[in-house]
Amino acid sequence: MTPLTPEKIYATNFIRDFSSPYATQQPTGHRTNWRTKYNKISDPLINAHLRGDYWLGTKAAWYPVFFNLDVDHPTPKVLDTIFERFDNFGINENQYLKMTSPSHAKSGNFRIFLKLEYGERTPTHKLGFTALQTAFSDICEIYPQKRRKDRLPCGRDQDIISDYRVLSHLTWQEEMQFLLKIDPTPIEQLPQETFLFDLTAIPNEPKDKVKNWKPKKEIAELLSNGLQAPSTRHFSQFDILNYLWRCNWLPTDAAAFTKRWVKRHHNGFSKDATAERWLSIYGEIERQTGCVWARDNTLLPDTPHGLNAAITKEDLRFAAELFKGDAVRQKQLINLISYIRPRQHHEWVFIPSHVWREDVASWKTKDRLIAILEEKGILEVNNSYRVEHYSRRFKLKLPQTNEQPLAIDERNVTNYYDALWTAHESIREIADATGLNSMTIWRQFQKG
C-alpha cells in the first residue's frame, strides 16, 4: 500500500469534508477580506494555503479531529482563567497546543488546539462543540463552526508557541506532526454539569432529545427561589434569558431583569456575587443576552407563535400516505401544512413568496411541488394576481382532526423532524410510519 503524502495526511486530519463552500483570504493587497467560493475544496487550494500564498477557511466536518479555542486580545486575567480551567478539567500540557493567529504580532491573538474523544472515538461536531462552548464560550470563541469558516492551521504566520516562544522556524510538516501528537481529551473528563444535555441519554429515544431551555415550571422555581448550589450562576442566567426571550422581552429589559435577579437571589452560592464583582457579572450577562437574542427568530418564541405554525399527528400520517418513503416531499408538504393549518378558516390562504422560499420549497422545486399536489387533487391554486398587491392564493385540502398541535413545553413544534420525534417513541417507529430509511432518520437525529 502506497504511504500517504504529508498533504494527504493534512487533508485527512484537518479538512475531511471537501464539499463547498470554502473561503480564502489574501494576506496583502486590496482584497484582504474573506471571500466565499462555492466550489469543492481541491488539492491546489490546500497546497497554496500551506505555502503561505493565502489562507483557506472551511466549514466544520461532521467528525472533526481537532477543535480550537480562538483567543483574541488576551489579557492576563483571560489567560489565567483558561489555564485554570484546564487544570480543573484535568487537561495537561500534552493535550493541547498553542498556535499564533496571523494577527498575533499586533494584538497577541492565538489559538489553542485540542483533540477530543468520546468513548475512545472521534465525537460528532455537535457533541464536541457543545462541550467546549459550555466550558469556554464566556471567554473565547470555539472553532470549527457549522456556519462560519475556520482558518486552517499551519499556514502563513501560524506558528507553534512553546514556553511563550514562537517557533517560526518550523516547516508546516513539522507543525502538523506536533499537532498530530496531541493526546486526546476525553469529553467525559470535562465536568458533567458544564453540559446542556445528558450524555447518558439513550440515542434512539427521541423523547430524550436535547432541549434548548428548561421547562417553565423549573424556571418559575428558579426565579422565585434563586440559586440553590455553587457554580450554577452562569447556566441559571442562560436559562432565565432563554425564558425571557421566549416571552418576547426586549434584550435590554431582559438583561436588566437578570442583573437584578442575580443581585437579589444569588443566595451566597456565587463567589463573584459574594465578592461583589458586579461589573464582571453584568458584563457576562450582556454577552449572554447578545448570544440568546442573536439566534434566528422567524417565529415568535412562545404562545403567540401558535398562530403562525402548527402540525398535528394526523398531518404526519397524511404526508406519509401521499409520499411514502420520500423524505423531501413529506418535509415540504408538512412545512406547507404547518403554515396553512392555523389559517384554514380562510377559504383561500395567501402564502408570501418568502414563506415558499425559506420555509417550504426552493424556487427550483416549488413549481414541481405545486404541480404534484394539484395532480393529487389536494391543492387548488387561485391564479388571480395584481402587481404589488398579492400573488397566488392556495386552498389545501387538509385532513379533518380534533388533535391539538404537537408541542414541547407548550410551544408548537414547527420542524418536520422535531414533529416526528414528538409524535413517535423510537426511530424504528418513525421509519415504519413514514417509510423513510432508518439511517436517514438517525442522521437527522444526530444533527439535533
Protein backbone atom coordinates (compact mmCIF):
# COMPACT_ATOMS: atom_id res chain seq x y z
CA MET A 1 0.00 0.00 0.00
CA THR A 2 1.40 3.39 -1.03
CA PRO A 3 2.09 5.59 2.03
CA LEU A 4 0.14 8.83 2.26
CA THR A 5 1.90 12.05 1.38
CA PRO A 6 2.11 14.81 4.03
CA GLU A 7 -0.51 16.77 2.06
CA LYS A 8 -2.94 13.83 2.17
CA ILE A 9 -2.31 13.33 5.89
CA TYR A 10 -3.02 17.02 6.44
CA ALA A 11 -6.26 16.87 4.45
CA THR A 12 -7.40 13.72 6.26
CA ASN A 13 -6.97 15.32 9.67
CA PHE A 14 -7.88 18.98 9.11
CA ILE A 15 -10.43 19.06 6.30
CA ARG A 16 -12.29 15.72 5.94
CA ASP A 17 -15.26 17.45 4.26
CA PHE A 18 -14.30 18.66 0.77
CA SER A 19 -17.77 19.94 -0.21
CA SER A 20 -18.40 23.63 -0.80
CA PRO A 21 -18.35 26.35 0.25
CA TYR A 22 -14.90 27.43 1.34
CA ALA A 23 -13.32 30.85 1.81
CA THR A 24 -9.96 32.40 1.00
CA GLN A 25 -8.20 35.46 2.39
CA GLN A 26 -5.30 37.29 0.77
CA PRO A 27 -2.51 38.41 3.16
CA THR A 28 -1.90 41.68 1.31
CA GLY A 29 -3.46 43.89 -1.34
CA HIS A 30 -6.88 45.45 -1.75
CA ARG A 31 -8.89 42.28 -1.14
CA THR A 32 -7.85 41.16 2.32
CA ASN A 33 -11.37 40.23 3.49
CA TRP A 34 -12.59 36.64 3.38
CA ARG A 35 -14.11 35.70 0.03
CA THR A 36 -16.51 32.75 -0.14
CA LYS A 37 -16.35 30.35 -3.08
CA TYR A 38 -18.99 27.74 -3.90
CA ASN A 39 -16.75 25.04 -5.29
CA LYS A 40 -15.31 21.85 -3.85
CA ILE A 41 -12.02 22.10 -1.97
CA SER A 42 -9.13 20.90 -4.12
CA ASP A 43 -5.52 19.87 -3.55
CA PRO A 44 -4.11 23.06 -5.19
CA LEU A 45 -6.10 25.16 -2.69
CA ILE A 46 -4.67 23.22 0.23
CA ASN A 47 -1.14 23.44 -1.13
CA ALA A 48 -1.46 27.21 -1.65
CA HIS A 49 -2.55 27.59 1.99
CA LEU A 50 0.40 25.52 3.22
CA ARG A 51 2.83 27.51 1.03
CA GLY A 52 1.51 30.74 2.55
CA ASP A 53 0.10 32.19 -0.69
CA TYR A 54 -3.21 32.87 1.06
CA TRP A 55 -5.33 31.44 3.87
CA LEU A 56 -8.00 28.81 3.38
CA GLY A 57 -11.07 28.58 5.61
CA THR A 58 -13.54 25.68 5.69
CA LYS A 59 -16.74 24.73 7.45
CA ALA A 60 -16.81 22.15 10.23
CA ALA A 61 -16.61 18.49 9.26
CA TRP A 62 -19.18 16.03 10.56
CA TYR A 63 -16.48 14.37 12.70
CA PRO A 64 -13.68 16.94 13.17
CA VAL A 65 -10.41 15.60 14.52
CA PHE A 66 -9.38 18.94 16.04
CA PHE A 67 -11.19 21.79 17.79
CA ASN A 68 -9.62 25.09 18.76
CA LEU A 69 -10.21 27.95 21.17
CA ASP A 70 -9.81 31.32 19.42
CA VAL A 71 -8.33 33.72 21.98
CA ASP A 72 -8.48 37.35 20.77
CA HIS A 73 -6.75 40.29 22.52
CA PRO A 74 -5.86 38.12 25.54
CA THR A 75 -5.47 39.78 28.91
CA PRO A 76 -3.59 38.22 31.85
CA LYS A 77 -6.95 37.54 33.51
CA VAL A 78 -8.32 35.71 30.45
CA LEU A 79 -5.16 33.62 30.14
CA ASP A 80 -5.22 32.75 33.83
CA THR A 81 -8.89 31.76 33.55
CA ILE A 82 -8.32 29.48 30.55
CA PHE A 83 -5.41 27.59 32.03
CA GLU A 84 -7.02 27.45 35.47
CA ARG A 85 -9.96 25.71 33.84
CA PHE A 86 -7.59 23.37 32.04
CA ASP A 87 -6.18 22.41 35.44
CA ASN A 88 -9.67 21.98 36.89
CA PHE A 89 -10.73 19.79 33.95
CA GLY A 90 -7.54 17.72 34.11
CA ILE A 91 -6.27 18.90 30.71
CA ASN A 92 -2.48 18.66 30.83
CA GLU A 93 0.20 20.17 28.56
CA ASN A 94 0.25 17.09 26.33
CA GLN A 95 -3.42 17.56 25.46
CA TYR A 96 -3.27 20.95 23.77
CA LEU A 97 -1.06 23.04 21.51
CA LYS A 98 -0.91 26.82 21.13
CA MET A 99 -0.50 28.37 17.70
CA THR A 100 -0.32 32.04 16.67
CA SER A 101 -3.02 33.71 14.60
CA PRO A 102 -1.84 35.94 11.70
CA SER A 103 -2.62 38.97 13.89
CA HIS A 104 -0.52 37.67 16.79
CA ALA A 105 2.31 40.20 16.36
CA LYS A 106 -0.14 43.11 16.52
CA SER A 107 -2.70 42.00 19.12
CA GLY A 108 -1.40 38.78 20.67
CA ASN A 109 -4.21 36.64 19.20
CA PHE A 110 -3.62 32.90 19.25
CA ARG A 111 -5.44 29.58 19.14
CA ILE A 112 -5.37 26.54 21.39
CA PHE A 113 -5.84 23.24 19.53
CA LEU A 114 -7.46 20.26 21.23
CA LYS A 115 -8.25 16.73 20.07
CA LEU A 116 -11.46 15.43 21.67
CA GLU A 117 -12.75 11.91 22.00
CA TYR A 118 -15.92 10.38 23.38
CA GLY A 119 -15.98 6.71 24.30
CA GLU A 120 -12.48 6.46 22.77
CA ARG A 121 -13.86 7.55 19.38
CA THR A 122 -13.98 10.83 17.47
CA PRO A 123 -17.11 12.71 18.57
CA THR A 124 -19.58 14.43 16.28
CA HIS A 125 -19.06 18.15 15.76
CA LYS A 126 -22.17 18.95 17.76
CA LEU A 127 -21.07 16.92 20.78
CA GLY A 128 -17.54 18.33 20.85
CA PHE A 129 -18.53 21.91 20.04
CA THR A 130 -21.24 21.98 22.73
CA ALA A 131 -18.89 20.56 25.35
CA LEU A 132 -16.25 23.23 24.68
CA GLN A 133 -18.74 26.04 24.21
CA THR A 134 -20.39 25.49 27.57
CA ALA A 135 -16.98 25.42 29.23
CA PHE A 136 -15.23 28.31 27.44
CA SER A 137 -17.72 30.41 25.42
CA ASP A 138 -17.71 33.19 28.02
CA ILE A 139 -14.03 33.93 27.38
CA CYS A 140 -13.28 32.88 23.77
CA GLU A 141 -14.82 31.57 20.54
CA ILE A 142 -14.90 27.88 19.67
CA TYR A 143 -13.99 26.56 16.20
CA PRO A 144 -14.72 24.92 13.82
CA GLN A 145 -18.31 26.07 13.41
CA LYS A 146 -21.05 24.96 11.06
CA ARG A 147 -21.94 28.41 9.76
CA ARG A 148 -18.59 30.23 9.84
CA LYS A 149 -15.41 29.31 8.03
CA ASP A 150 -12.46 28.30 10.17
CA ARG A 151 -8.92 29.23 9.11
CA LEU A 152 -6.93 26.03 8.65
CA PRO A 153 -3.70 25.69 10.71
CA CYS A 154 -0.06 25.51 9.57
CA GLY A 155 -0.37 28.36 7.09
CA ARG A 156 1.28 31.75 6.82
CA ASP A 157 2.06 33.42 10.19
CA GLN A 158 0.57 30.45 12.06
CA ASP A 159 3.39 29.20 14.24
CA ILE A 160 3.54 26.96 17.29
CA ILE A 161 4.01 28.69 20.66
CA SER A 162 6.16 26.78 23.12
CA ASP A 163 7.06 28.18 26.54
CA TYR A 164 5.98 31.66 25.37
CA ARG A 165 8.36 31.40 22.39
CA VAL A 166 7.10 31.49 18.80
CA LEU A 167 8.72 28.67 16.81
CA SER A 168 8.67 30.43 13.45
CA HIS A 169 11.48 28.25 12.03
CA LEU A 170 9.34 25.09 11.80
CA THR A 171 8.02 23.84 8.45
CA TRP A 172 4.30 23.14 8.06
CA GLN A 173 5.09 19.41 8.03
CA GLU A 174 6.79 19.71 11.43
CA GLU A 175 3.93 21.79 12.80
CA MET A 176 1.47 19.16 11.60
CA GLN A 177 3.41 16.41 13.35
CA PHE A 178 3.29 18.33 16.64
CA LEU A 179 -0.47 18.75 16.25
CA LEU A 180 -0.98 15.07 15.47
CA LYS A 181 0.94 14.12 18.64
CA ILE A 182 -1.59 15.92 20.89
CA ASP A 183 -3.11 13.45 23.36
CA PRO A 184 -6.91 13.25 23.09
CA THR A 185 -9.06 14.91 25.74
CA PRO A 186 -12.00 12.66 26.69
CA ILE A 187 -15.24 14.63 26.78
CA GLU A 188 -16.09 12.60 29.88
CA GLN A 189 -13.09 14.26 31.50
CA LEU A 190 -14.92 17.60 31.44
CA PRO A 191 -17.31 18.25 34.34
CA GLN A 192 -20.74 16.83 33.57
CA GLU A 193 -22.50 19.93 34.88
CA THR A 194 -20.95 22.04 32.13
CA PHE A 195 -23.14 20.27 29.56
CA LEU A 196 -26.55 21.48 28.45
CA PHE A 197 -27.54 17.88 27.68
CA ASP A 198 -27.49 14.44 29.21
CA LEU A 199 -24.56 12.33 27.99
CA THR A 200 -26.30 9.20 29.27
CA ALA A 201 -29.45 9.75 27.22
CA ILE A 202 -30.38 6.76 25.05
CA PRO A 203 -29.80 7.93 21.48
CA ASN A 204 -32.68 6.01 19.87
CA GLU A 205 -35.32 7.59 22.08
CA PRO A 206 -36.39 10.93 20.60
CA LYS A 207 -38.23 11.83 23.80
CA ASP A 208 -34.76 12.34 25.34
CA LYS A 209 -33.81 14.78 22.57
CA VAL A 210 -31.83 17.85 23.62
CA LYS A 211 -33.90 20.88 24.59
CA ASN A 212 -32.51 24.38 24.35
CA TRP A 213 -34.28 25.50 27.50
CA LYS A 214 -35.73 24.22 30.73
CA PRO A 215 -39.47 23.67 31.31
CA LYS A 216 -41.40 26.69 32.56
CA LYS A 217 -42.06 25.05 35.94
CA GLU A 218 -38.32 24.80 36.69
CA ILE A 219 -37.77 28.39 35.55
CA ALA A 220 -40.56 29.57 37.86
CA GLU A 221 -38.85 27.85 40.79
CA LEU A 222 -35.51 29.38 39.81
CA LEU A 223 -36.98 32.88 39.57
CA SER A 224 -38.72 32.50 42.92
CA ASN A 225 -36.04 30.71 44.97
CA GLY A 226 -32.79 31.79 43.30
CA LEU A 227 -29.55 29.80 43.16
CA GLN A 228 -29.54 26.54 45.10
CA ALA A 229 -25.98 25.28 44.56
CA PRO A 230 -22.45 26.57 43.92
CA SER A 231 -21.20 27.11 40.35
CA THR A 232 -24.71 27.38 38.87
CA ARG A 233 -24.98 31.13 38.27
CA HIS A 234 -23.67 31.09 34.68
CA PHE A 235 -26.14 28.47 33.45
CA SER A 236 -29.03 29.84 35.54
CA GLN A 237 -28.57 33.21 33.83
CA PHE A 238 -28.77 31.48 30.44
CA ASP A 239 -31.94 29.64 31.47
CA ILE A 240 -33.60 32.86 32.60
CA LEU A 241 -32.57 34.78 29.47
CA ASN A 242 -33.90 31.95 27.29
CA TYR A 243 -37.19 32.14 29.17
CA LEU A 244 -37.43 35.92 28.73
CA TRP A 245 -36.62 35.54 25.02
CA ARG A 246 -39.49 33.09 24.76
CA CYS A 247 -41.75 35.68 26.42
CA ASN A 248 -40.83 38.25 23.75
CA TRP A 249 -38.90 40.59 26.06
CA LEU A 250 -36.64 43.22 24.61
CA PRO A 251 -32.96 42.27 25.15
CA THR A 252 -32.24 45.44 27.15
CA ASP A 253 -35.14 44.73 29.52
CA ALA A 254 -34.16 41.06 29.82
CA ALA A 255 -30.55 41.93 30.70
CA ALA A 256 -31.66 44.49 33.30
CA PHE A 257 -34.09 41.99 34.86
CA THR A 258 -31.44 39.25 35.03
CA LYS A 259 -28.93 41.60 36.66
CA ARG A 260 -31.48 42.49 39.37
CA TRP A 261 -32.34 38.82 39.85
CA VAL A 262 -28.70 37.79 40.37
CA LYS A 263 -28.12 40.58 42.88
CA ARG A 264 -31.18 39.63 44.93
CA HIS A 265 -31.18 35.86 44.59
CA HIS A 266 -27.61 34.58 44.41
CA ASN A 267 -28.13 33.25 47.96
CA GLY A 268 -24.40 33.24 48.61
CA PHE A 269 -23.78 30.46 46.05
CA SER A 270 -21.84 32.67 43.63
CA LYS A 271 -18.26 33.52 44.54
CA ASP A 272 -18.27 36.54 42.21
CA ALA A 273 -21.54 37.87 43.67
CA THR A 274 -20.36 37.33 47.24
CA ALA A 275 -17.17 39.24 46.40
CA GLU A 276 -19.34 41.91 44.73
CA ARG A 277 -17.66 41.61 41.33
CA TRP A 278 -20.75 43.13 39.74
CA LEU A 279 -19.02 44.62 36.71
CA SER A 280 -17.76 41.18 35.72
CA ILE A 281 -21.16 39.58 36.31
CA TYR A 282 -23.06 42.28 34.43
CA GLY A 283 -20.63 42.06 31.51
CA GLU A 284 -21.20 38.32 31.34
CA ILE A 285 -24.98 38.83 31.34
CA GLU A 286 -24.67 41.32 28.48
CA ARG A 287 -22.68 38.76 26.44
CA GLN A 288 -25.18 36.03 27.20
CA THR A 289 -28.05 38.30 26.20
CA GLY A 290 -26.38 39.04 22.89
CA CYS A 291 -25.92 35.31 22.30
CA VAL A 292 -29.57 34.45 23.05
CA TRP A 293 -31.11 37.27 21.01
CA ALA A 294 -28.76 36.67 18.06
CA ARG A 295 -30.50 33.39 17.17
CA ASP A 296 -32.76 33.22 14.15
CA ASN A 297 -36.28 34.22 15.15
CA THR A 298 -38.58 33.84 12.17
CA LEU A 299 -41.35 32.77 14.56
CA LEU A 300 -42.38 34.45 17.77
CA PRO A 301 -40.96 32.36 20.61
CA ASP A 302 -43.91 31.16 22.68
CA THR A 303 -47.70 31.27 22.80
CA PRO A 304 -48.17 33.95 20.12
CA HIS A 305 -46.33 31.88 17.54
CA GLY A 306 -49.01 29.20 17.81
CA LEU A 307 -50.92 31.46 15.45
CA ASN A 308 -48.13 31.18 12.89
CA ALA A 309 -47.50 27.45 12.51
CA ALA A 310 -48.96 24.15 13.68
CA ILE A 311 -48.56 20.43 12.90
CA THR A 312 -50.74 17.54 14.13
CA LYS A 313 -50.16 13.79 14.17
CA GLU A 314 -52.82 13.45 11.50
CA ASP A 315 -50.79 15.77 9.25
CA LEU A 316 -47.76 13.46 9.58
CA ARG A 317 -49.90 10.43 8.69
CA PHE A 318 -51.37 12.35 5.74
CA ALA A 319 -47.95 13.29 4.35
CA ALA A 320 -46.62 9.75 4.83
CA GLU A 321 -49.53 8.24 2.90
CA LEU A 322 -49.07 10.65 -0.02
CA PHE A 323 -45.26 10.40 -0.23
CA LYS A 324 -44.32 7.11 1.39
CA GLY A 325 -40.54 6.85 1.65
CA ASP A 326 -39.89 10.31 0.16
CA ALA A 327 -38.32 12.45 2.90
CA VAL A 328 -38.06 15.59 0.77
CA ARG A 329 -41.70 15.65 -0.35
CA GLN A 330 -43.01 14.74 3.11
CA LYS A 331 -40.99 17.55 4.64
CA GLN A 332 -42.14 20.07 2.02
CA LEU A 333 -45.79 19.11 2.47
CA ILE A 334 -45.55 19.30 6.28
CA ASN A 335 -43.92 22.75 6.01
CA LEU A 336 -46.80 23.85 3.78
CA ILE A 337 -49.40 22.36 6.13
CA SER A 338 -47.78 23.98 9.18
CA TYR A 339 -48.31 27.40 7.57
CA ILE A 340 -51.83 26.80 6.24
CA ARG A 341 -53.39 24.93 9.19
CA PRO A 342 -53.55 27.96 11.55
CA ARG A 343 -55.12 29.93 8.65
CA GLN A 344 -57.51 27.29 7.34
CA HIS A 345 -60.53 29.34 8.46
CA HIS A 346 -59.84 31.38 5.30
CA GLU A 347 -61.20 29.88 2.09
CA TRP A 348 -58.03 30.92 0.26
CA VAL A 349 -54.71 31.34 2.04
CA PHE A 350 -52.19 33.88 0.79
CA ILE A 351 -48.63 32.49 1.00
CA PRO A 352 -45.89 35.13 0.62
CA SER A 353 -43.00 34.31 -1.66
CA HIS A 354 -40.53 34.42 1.25
CA VAL A 355 -42.51 31.69 3.03
CA TRP A 356 -42.24 29.45 -0.02
CA ARG A 357 -38.57 30.26 -0.42
CA GLU A 358 -37.45 30.00 3.21
CA ASP A 359 -39.87 27.52 4.77
CA VAL A 360 -41.47 25.27 2.15
CA ALA A 361 -39.50 24.72 -1.05
CA SER A 362 -36.75 26.40 -3.02
CA TRP A 363 -37.56 28.24 -6.24
CA LYS A 364 -36.23 25.25 -8.16
CA THR A 365 -38.67 22.76 -6.59
CA LYS A 366 -41.66 24.98 -5.72
CA ASP A 367 -43.49 24.72 -9.07
CA ARG A 368 -42.93 20.97 -9.26
CA LEU A 369 -44.33 20.53 -5.75
CA ILE A 370 -47.41 22.60 -6.61
CA ALA A 371 -47.96 20.56 -9.77
CA ILE A 372 -47.72 17.27 -7.89
CA LEU A 373 -50.18 18.38 -5.20
CA GLU A 374 -52.59 19.70 -7.84
CA GLU A 375 -52.36 16.39 -9.70
CA LYS A 376 -53.20 14.52 -6.49
CA GLY A 377 -56.24 16.77 -6.05
CA ILE A 378 -55.31 18.18 -2.64
CA LEU A 379 -54.18 21.69 -3.67
CA GLU A 380 -56.11 24.34 -5.56
CA VAL A 381 -54.46 27.49 -6.88
CA ASN A 382 -56.15 30.84 -7.34
CA ASN A 383 -54.10 32.49 -10.07
CA SER A 384 -55.55 35.97 -9.55
CA TYR A 385 -52.73 38.46 -9.46
CA ARG A 386 -52.36 42.22 -9.13
CA VAL A 387 -48.94 43.86 -9.20
CA GLU A 388 -47.70 44.86 -5.73
CA HIS A 389 -50.90 43.60 -4.06
CA TYR A 390 -50.97 39.82 -3.85
CA SER A 391 -49.65 36.74 -5.57
CA ARG A 392 -51.37 33.38 -5.93
CA ARG A 393 -53.58 32.14 -3.14
CA PHE A 394 -53.96 28.48 -2.22
CA LYS A 395 -56.52 26.07 -0.83
CA LEU A 396 -55.10 22.89 0.70
CA LYS A 397 -57.48 20.04 1.49
CA LEU A 398 -56.29 19.20 4.99
CA PRO A 399 -57.45 16.10 6.89
CA GLN A 400 -60.11 16.93 9.45
CA THR A 401 -58.87 16.36 13.00
CA ASN A 402 -59.60 17.36 16.57
CA GLU A 403 -56.00 16.74 17.60
CA GLN A 404 -54.08 19.50 19.29
CA PRO A 405 -50.91 20.71 17.51
CA LEU A 406 -47.77 18.84 18.51
CA ALA A 407 -45.93 20.84 21.16
CA ILE A 408 -42.95 20.71 23.50
CA ASP A 409 -43.32 22.61 26.77
CA GLU A 410 -46.42 24.47 25.46
CA ARG A 411 -44.57 25.56 22.31
CA ASN A 412 -45.81 24.41 18.90
CA VAL A 413 -43.40 22.14 17.06
CA THR A 414 -42.83 23.56 13.58
CA ASN A 415 -39.91 21.49 12.26
CA TYR A 416 -40.69 18.28 10.37
CA TYR A 417 -38.19 16.04 12.16
CA ASP A 418 -38.97 17.57 15.55
CA ALA A 419 -42.61 16.72 14.87
CA LEU A 420 -41.64 13.11 14.14
CA TRP A 421 -39.61 12.90 17.38
CA THR A 422 -42.59 14.27 19.32
CA ALA A 423 -45.20 12.03 17.71
CA HIS A 424 -43.28 8.74 17.90
CA GLU A 425 -41.30 6.83 20.51
CA SER A 426 -38.37 5.46 18.51
CA ILE A 427 -36.53 5.67 15.21
CA ARG A 428 -37.95 2.27 14.21
CA GLU A 429 -41.48 3.54 14.77
CA ILE A 430 -40.75 6.66 12.68
CA ALA A 431 -39.32 4.51 9.87
CA ASP A 432 -42.37 2.22 9.86
CA ALA A 433 -44.79 5.16 9.81
CA THR A 434 -43.04 7.20 7.11
CA GLY A 435 -41.24 4.61 5.01
CA LEU A 436 -38.00 6.56 5.46
CA ASN A 437 -34.63 4.88 5.83
CA SER A 438 -33.64 4.43 9.47
CA MET A 439 -30.16 5.80 8.78
CA THR A 440 -31.63 8.98 7.27
CA ILE A 441 -33.66 9.50 10.42
CA TRP A 442 -30.65 8.72 12.61
CA ARG A 443 -28.51 11.31 10.82
CA GLN A 444 -31.19 13.94 11.35
CA PHE A 445 -31.41 12.95 14.99
CA GLN A 446 -27.64 13.37 15.36
CA LYS A 447 -27.87 16.86 13.85
CA GLY A 448 -30.29 17.75 16.64
